[in-house]
Protein backbone atom coordinates (compact mmCIF):
# COMPACT_ATOMS: atom_id res chain seq x y z
CA MET A 1 -18.15 18.05 -13.05
CA MET A 2 -18.06 17.33 -9.29
CA ARG A 3 -20.52 14.46 -9.64
CA GLU A 4 -18.47 12.95 -12.41
CA ARG A 5 -15.28 13.11 -10.29
CA ALA A 6 -17.11 11.62 -7.32
CA ALA A 7 -18.44 8.78 -9.48
CA LEU A 8 -14.96 8.07 -10.85
CA ALA A 9 -13.52 8.02 -7.32
CA ALA A 10 -16.26 5.66 -6.13
CA ASN A 11 -15.68 3.35 -9.08
CA ALA A 12 -11.94 3.28 -8.35
CA GLU A 13 -12.61 2.44 -4.68
CA ASP A 14 -14.99 -0.34 -5.68
CA ALA A 15 -12.45 -1.75 -8.13
CA ASP A 16 -9.73 -1.74 -5.45
CA LEU A 17 -12.03 -3.45 -2.98
CA TRP A 18 -13.12 -6.21 -5.31
CA ARG A 19 -9.57 -6.84 -6.61
CA TRP A 20 -8.47 -7.22 -2.98
CA PHE A 21 -11.42 -9.50 -2.22
CA SER A 22 -10.96 -11.71 -5.28
CA ARG A 23 -7.22 -12.09 -4.58
CA LEU A 24 -7.97 -13.26 -1.03
CA VAL A 25 -10.67 -15.64 -2.28
CA GLU A 26 -8.24 -17.19 -4.78
CA GLU A 27 -5.63 -17.54 -2.01
CA ARG A 28 -8.30 -18.96 0.34
CA ARG A 29 -7.44 -16.35 2.96
CA VAL A 30 -10.88 -14.79 3.49
CA ARG A 31 -14.04 -16.22 5.06
CA TRP A 32 -17.40 -14.64 5.71
CA CYS A 33 -20.76 -15.61 7.11
CA CYS A 34 -24.05 -13.98 7.92
CA SER A 35 -25.07 -14.22 11.57
CA ALA A 36 -27.62 -12.59 13.83
CA ARG A 37 -24.98 -9.86 14.46
CA GLY A 38 -24.49 -9.20 10.73
CA TRP A 39 -21.78 -10.19 8.28
CA LEU A 40 -18.64 -11.52 9.96
CA VAL A 41 -15.39 -11.41 7.99
CA SER A 42 -12.14 -13.18 8.83
CA VAL A 43 -8.82 -12.87 7.03
CA ASP A 44 -6.00 -15.29 7.72
CA ASN A 45 -8.16 -16.94 10.42
CA ARG A 46 -8.54 -13.67 12.30
CA HIS A 47 -11.87 -11.87 12.71
CA VAL A 48 -11.46 -8.39 11.25
CA ALA A 49 -14.93 -6.95 10.63
CA THR A 50 -18.63 -7.17 11.45
CA ALA A 51 -21.29 -5.06 9.73
CA GLN A 52 -24.94 -5.21 8.76
CA SER A 53 -24.22 -5.23 5.04
CA PHE A 54 -21.79 -7.48 3.17
CA ASP A 55 -20.33 -4.49 1.35
CA ASP A 56 -19.67 -2.55 4.57
CA ALA A 57 -18.12 -5.61 6.21
CA MET A 58 -15.74 -6.14 3.30
CA ARG A 59 -14.80 -2.46 3.18
CA ASP A 60 -14.07 -2.49 6.93
CA ALA A 61 -12.08 -5.71 6.58
CA MET A 62 -9.97 -4.32 3.75
CA GLU A 63 -9.29 -1.11 5.67
CA ARG A 64 -8.20 -2.99 8.81
CA VAL A 65 -6.11 -5.60 7.00
CA THR A 66 -4.29 -3.07 4.83
CA ALA A 67 -3.69 -0.77 7.83
CA ARG A 68 -2.26 -3.72 9.77
CA SER A 69 0.11 -4.63 6.94
CA ASN A 70 1.51 -1.07 6.56
């Protein structure tokens, strides 16, 4: 039962992340590139995250951007 709840929570987090990402892509507000330092993510022309994996960089970016807007 715990594993099932954890899987459902992870799926919901992933869905939120990728809805956020796709909305920003459609609005042309997000940019990303892979560099020697890892994945760099900018939103609204402001650097918001750097991480070794694309997924981690996007999760960090979403967390920082949504925290900034609240």
